């Protein structure tokens, strides 16, 4: 799951640092690092040195990664359509609103927890 999230973020935003990728995917540094290593090993991501930061790295899709990324959208839409068949439109809308609120709340909790770590 972490690999898919990272692949989707890099595909959507282009070149990302691991820190930016973590922020975009709500994953911690360790998960981003492991997912990036796995995707690099599979030939889907390429890592390069950040020219603006000697210690930093940048992540970008390879050709193979671009091809896989292009298939994510249609595949996820098919899965979403199949799931949506189990609910009527009102229920589906309510679910999406509830999930949005839950995501906002979870981000607030995580933001508060990260702030506590810095003290």
C-alpha atoms as a PDB file:
ATOM      1  CA  UNK A   1       0.000   0.000   0.000  1.00  0.00           C
ATOM      2  CA  UNK A   2       2.818   2.429   0.820  1.00  0.00           C
ATOM      3  CA  UNK A   3       4.399   1.813  -2.571  1.00  0.00           C
ATOM      4  CA  UNK A   4       1.149   2.633  -4.377  1.00  0.00           C
ATOM      5  CA  UNK A   5       0.690   5.816  -2.365  1.00  0.00           C
ATOM      6  CA  UNK A   6       4.237   6.962  -3.080  1.00  0.00           C
ATOM      7  CA  UNK A   7       4.009   6.062  -6.763  1.00  0.00           C
ATOM      8  CA  UNK A   8       0.733   8.004  -7.048  1.00  0.00           C
ATOM      9  CA  UNK A   9       2.169  11.069  -5.303  1.00  0.00           C
ATOM     10  CA  UNK A  10       5.311  11.187  -7.434  1.00  0.00           C
ATOM     11  CA  UNK A  11       3.218  10.625 -10.550  1.00  0.00           C
ATOM     12  CA  UNK A  12       0.847  13.419  -9.633  1.00  0.00           C
ATOM     13  CA  UNK A  13       3.389  16.006  -8.493  1.00  0.00           C
ATOM     14  CA  UNK A  14       6.406  15.083 -10.646  1.00  0.00           C
ATOM     15  CA  UNK A  15       9.688  15.341  -8.794  1.00  0.00           C
ATOM     16  CA  UNK A  16       9.402  15.117  -4.999  1.00  0.00           C
ATOM     17  CA  UNK A  17      11.835  14.985  -2.131  1.00  0.00           C
ATOM     18  CA  UNK A  18      11.168  12.187   0.353  1.00  0.00           C
ATOM     19  CA  UNK A  19      10.045  14.825   2.868  1.00  0.00           C
ATOM     20  CA  UNK A  20       7.553  16.331   0.417  1.00  0.00           C
ATOM     21  CA  UNK A  21       6.401  12.841  -0.563  1.00  0.00           C
ATOM     22  CA  UNK A  22       5.768  12.058   3.107  1.00  0.00           C
ATOM     23  CA  UNK A  23       3.709  15.213   3.491  1.00  0.00           C
ATOM     24  CA  UNK A  24       1.684  14.466   0.350  1.00  0.00           C
ATOM     25  CA  UNK A  25       0.997  10.858   1.378  1.00  0.00           C
ATOM     26  CA  UNK A  26       0.731  11.291   5.168  1.00  0.00           C
ATOM     27  CA  UNK A  27       3.468   8.670   5.593  1.00  0.00           C
ATOM     28  CA  UNK A  28       6.397   8.909   7.979  1.00  0.00           C
ATOM     29  CA  UNK A  29      10.030   9.013   6.838  1.00  0.00           C
ATOM     30  CA  UNK A  30      10.606   5.309   7.397  1.00  0.00           C
ATOM     31  CA  UNK A  31       7.610   4.265   5.280  1.00  0.00           C
ATOM     32  CA  UNK A  32       8.609   6.657   2.489  1.00  0.00           C
ATOM     33  CA  UNK A  33      12.180   5.378   2.571  1.00  0.00           C
ATOM     34  CA  UNK A  34      11.128   1.719   2.446  1.00  0.00           C
ATOM     35  CA  UNK A  35       8.549   2.341  -0.275  1.00  0.00           C
ATOM     36  CA  UNK A  36      11.067   4.337  -2.328  1.00  0.00           C
ATOM     37  CA  UNK A  37      13.713   1.613  -1.999  1.00  0.00           C
ATOM     38  CA  UNK A  38      11.187  -1.011  -3.125  1.00  0.00           C
ATOM     39  CA  UNK A  39      10.052   1.070  -6.102  1.00  0.00           C
ATOM     40  CA  UNK A  40      13.630   1.864  -7.118  1.00  0.00           C
ATOM     41  CA  UNK A  41      14.502  -1.852  -6.956  1.00  0.00           C
ATOM     42  CA  UNK A  42      11.493  -2.624  -9.169  1.00  0.00           C
ATOM     43  CA  UNK A  43      12.527   0.026 -11.682  1.00  0.00           C
ATOM     44  CA  UNK A  44       9.494   2.253 -11.100  1.00  0.00           C
ATOM     45  CA  UNK A  45      11.233   5.180  -9.368  1.00  0.00           C
ATOM     46  CA  UNK A  46      14.599   6.827  -9.808  1.00  0.00           C
ATOM     47  CA  UNK A  47      16.424   8.630  -7.007  1.00  0.00           C
ATOM     48  CA  UNK A  48      18.879  11.397  -7.671  1.00  0.00           C
ATOM     49  CA  UNK A  49      20.766  13.898  -5.581  1.00  0.00           C
ATOM     50  CA  UNK A  50      19.026  17.220  -4.996  1.00  0.00           C
ATOM     51  CA  UNK A  51      21.201  19.875  -6.683  1.00  0.00           C
ATOM     52  CA  UNK A  52      20.028  22.433  -4.106  1.00  0.00           C
ATOM     53  CA  UNK A  53      20.811  20.235  -1.085  1.00  0.00           C
ATOM     54  CA  UNK A  54      23.873  18.004  -1.098  1.00  0.00           C
ATOM     55  CA  UNK A  55      22.297  15.606   1.398  1.00  0.00           C
ATOM     56  CA  UNK A  56      18.833  15.645  -0.161  1.00  0.00           C
ATOM     57  CA  UNK A  57      17.361  13.253  -2.672  1.00  0.00           C
ATOM     58  CA  UNK A  58      14.727  13.637  -5.339  1.00  0.00           C
ATOM     59  CA  UNK A  59      12.273  10.993  -6.493  1.00  0.00           C
ATOM     60  CA  UNK A  60      10.862  10.764 -10.022  1.00  0.00           C
ATOM     61  CA  UNK A  61       9.104   8.135 -12.088  1.00  0.00           C
ATOM     62  CA  UNK A  62      10.989   6.033 -14.613  1.00  0.00           C
ATOM     63  CA  UNK A  63       9.374   5.173 -17.957  1.00  0.00           C
ATOM     64  CA  UNK A  64       8.156   1.937 -16.446  1.00  0.00           C
ATOM     65  CA  UNK A  65       6.839   3.863 -13.434  1.00  0.00           C
ATOM     66  CA  UNK A  66       5.032   6.314 -15.697  1.00  0.00           C
ATOM     67  CA  UNK A  67       3.323   3.412 -17.449  1.00  0.00           C
ATOM     68  CA  UNK A  68       2.228   1.866 -14.142  1.00  0.00           C
ATOM     69  CA  UNK A  69       1.069   5.254 -12.846  1.00  0.00           C
ATOM     70  CA  UNK A  70      -1.065   5.738 -15.966  1.00  0.00           C
ATOM     71  CA  UNK A  71      -2.939   2.542 -15.118  1.00  0.00           C
ATOM     72  CA  UNK A  72      -3.671   3.557 -11.512  1.00  0.00           C
ATOM     73  CA  UNK A  73      -6.480   5.977 -12.375  1.00  0.00           C
ATOM     74  CA  UNK A  74      -8.585   3.628 -14.502  1.00  0.00           C
ATOM     75  CA  UNK A  75      -8.021   0.741 -12.088  1.00  0.00           C
ATOM     76  CA  UNK A  76      -9.006   2.769  -9.031  1.00  0.00           C
ATOM     77  CA  UNK A  77     -12.081   4.113 -10.845  1.00  0.00           C
ATOM     78  CA  UNK A  78     -13.209   0.560 -11.635  1.00  0.00           C
ATOM     79  CA  UNK A  79     -12.774  -0.462  -7.998  1.00  0.00           C
ATOM     80  CA  UNK A  80     -14.646   2.609  -6.799  1.00  0.00           C
ATOM     81  CA  UNK A  81     -17.498   1.920  -9.240  1.00  0.00           C
ATOM     82  CA  UNK A  82     -17.779  -1.679  -8.024  1.00  0.00           C
ATOM     83  CA  UNK A  83     -17.868  -0.536  -4.395  1.00  0.00           C
ATOM     84  CA  UNK A  84     -20.404   2.189  -5.157  1.00  0.00           C
ATOM     85  CA  UNK A  85     -22.815  -0.402  -6.551  1.00  0.00           C
ATOM     86  CA  UNK A  86     -23.421  -1.538  -2.958  1.00  0.00           C
ATOM     87  CA  UNK A  87     -24.864   1.862  -1.953  1.00  0.00           C
ATOM     88  CA  UNK A  88     -27.444   4.231  -3.350  1.00  0.00           C
ATOM     89  CA  UNK A  89     -26.403   7.791  -4.298  1.00  0.00           C
ATOM     90  CA  UNK A  90     -27.461   9.271  -0.959  1.00  0.00           C
ATOM     91  CA  UNK A  91     -25.513   6.644   0.989  1.00  0.00           C
ATOM     92  CA  UNK A  92     -22.454   7.060  -1.272  1.00  0.00           C
ATOM     93  CA  UNK A  93     -22.509  10.842  -0.770  1.00  0.00           C
ATOM     94  CA  UNK A  94     -22.896  10.432   2.991  1.00  0.00           C
ATOM     95  CA  UNK A  95     -19.974   7.989   3.046  1.00  0.00           C
ATOM     96  CA  UNK A  96     -17.756  10.400   1.119  1.00  0.00           C
ATOM     97  CA  UNK A  97     -18.665  13.286   3.437  1.00  0.00           C
ATOM     98  CA  UNK A  98     -18.021  11.148   6.521  1.00  0.00           C
ATOM     99  CA  UNK A  99     -14.678   9.927   5.175  1.00  0.00           C
ATOM    100  CA  UNK A 100     -13.666  13.497   4.354  1.00  0.00           C
ATOM    101  CA  UNK A 101     -14.468  14.618   7.889  1.00  0.00           C
ATOM    102  CA  UNK A 102     -12.627  11.633   9.318  1.00  0.00           C
ATOM    103  CA  UNK A 103      -9.548  12.394   7.183  1.00  0.00           C
ATOM    104  CA  UNK A 104      -9.573  16.030   8.293  1.00  0.00           C
ATOM    105  CA  UNK A 105      -9.852  14.961  11.919  1.00  0.00           C
ATOM    106  CA  UNK A 106      -7.066  12.373  11.556  1.00  0.00           C
ATOM    107  CA  UNK A 107      -4.770  14.986   9.981  1.00  0.00           C
ATOM    108  CA  UNK A 108      -5.496  17.348  12.877  1.00  0.00           C
ATOM    109  CA  UNK A 109      -4.651  14.607  15.372  1.00  0.00           C
ATOM    110  CA  UNK A 110      -1.445  13.749  13.513  1.00  0.00           C
ATOM    111  CA  UNK A 111      -0.545  17.429  13.293  1.00  0.00           C
ATOM    112  CA  UNK A 112      -1.009  17.777  17.043  1.00  0.00           C
ATOM    113  CA  UNK A 113       1.079  14.631  17.694  1.00  0.00           C
ATOM    114  CA  UNK A 114       3.893  15.882  15.452  1.00  0.00           C
ATOM    115  CA  UNK A 115       3.897  19.210  17.286  1.00  0.00           C
ATOM    116  CA  UNK A 116       4.276  17.367  20.593  1.00  0.00           C
ATOM    117  CA  UNK A 117       7.350  15.523  19.289  1.00  0.00           C
ATOM    118  CA  UNK A 118       9.102  18.804  18.580  1.00  0.00           C
ATOM    119  CA  UNK A 119       8.854  20.022  22.198  1.00  0.00           C
END
